């Protein structure tokens, strides 16, 4: 058990942690990607919704 915990501590010392500047850059990249996909999904949803509504409005009169 102690050998296992010791190996974990050794491995954690070998880990390179990001600097504060890198963390801030990565944070803003995540925000940018989130906003991009939010806008993409909103546009896709709007196009899908209006496409289905348009199709139904124009196809229903043809069935009657």
Protein backbone atom coordinates (compact mmCIF):
# COMPACT_ATOMS: atom_id res chain seq x y z
CA UNK A 1 0.00 0.00 0.00
CA UNK A 2 2.77 2.44 0.94
CA UNK A 3 4.69 1.51 -2.21
CA UNK A 4 1.64 2.34 -4.29
CA UNK A 5 1.15 5.74 -2.62
CA UNK A 6 4.88 6.46 -3.00
CA UNK A 7 4.69 5.72 -6.73
CA UNK A 8 1.72 8.07 -7.05
CA UNK A 9 3.69 10.85 -5.35
CA UNK A 10 6.68 10.23 -7.65
CA UNK A 11 4.47 10.36 -10.72
CA UNK A 12 2.82 13.59 -9.57
CA UNK A 13 6.27 15.19 -9.24
CA UNK A 14 7.03 14.24 -12.86
CA UNK A 15 3.83 15.89 -14.08
CA UNK A 16 4.23 19.26 -15.76
CA UNK A 17 1.48 21.61 -14.74
CA UNK A 18 0.32 24.49 -16.95
CA UNK A 19 1.34 28.01 -16.08
CA UNK A 20 -1.24 30.61 -15.16
CA UNK A 21 -0.94 32.14 -18.64
CA UNK A 22 -1.56 28.78 -20.31
CA UNK A 23 -4.55 28.11 -18.06
CA UNK A 24 -6.13 31.46 -18.95
CA UNK A 25 -5.50 30.86 -22.67
CA UNK A 26 -7.06 27.38 -22.48
CA UNK A 27 -10.03 28.74 -20.52
CA UNK A 28 -10.79 31.32 -23.20
CA UNK A 29 -10.39 28.70 -25.93
CA UNK A 30 -13.05 26.60 -24.21
CA UNK A 31 -15.33 29.65 -24.01
CA UNK A 32 -14.76 30.39 -27.73
CA UNK A 33 -15.58 26.81 -28.75
CA UNK A 34 -18.64 26.81 -26.53
CA UNK A 35 -19.95 30.03 -28.09
CA UNK A 36 -19.21 28.71 -31.61
CA UNK A 37 -21.12 25.47 -31.06
CA UNK A 38 -23.93 27.30 -29.27
CA UNK A 39 -24.42 29.54 -32.31
CA UNK A 40 -24.09 26.58 -34.69
CA UNK A 41 -26.72 24.56 -32.83
CA UNK A 42 -29.05 27.58 -32.59
CA UNK A 43 -28.83 28.15 -36.36
CA UNK A 44 -29.32 24.45 -37.10
CA UNK A 45 -32.34 24.36 -34.77
CA UNK A 46 -33.85 27.47 -36.37
CA UNK A 47 -33.36 26.14 -39.91
CA UNK A 48 -34.79 22.75 -38.97
CA UNK A 49 -37.80 24.25 -37.20
CA UNK A 50 -38.64 26.66 -39.99
CA UNK A 51 -37.97 24.06 -42.67
CA UNK A 52 -40.42 21.62 -41.11
CA UNK A 53 -43.00 24.37 -40.56
CA UNK A 54 -42.60 25.55 -44.17
CA UNK A 55 -42.88 21.99 -45.50
CA UNK A 56 -46.01 21.23 -43.47
CA UNK A 57 -47.69 24.50 -44.45
CA UNK A 58 -47.10 23.80 -48.15
CA UNK A 59 -47.74 20.05 -48.17
CA UNK A 60 -50.98 19.95 -46.17
CA UNK A 61 -52.98 21.95 -48.77
CA UNK A 62 -51.81 19.52 -51.46
CA UNK A 63 -53.18 16.53 -49.51
CA UNK A 64 -56.68 18.05 -49.15
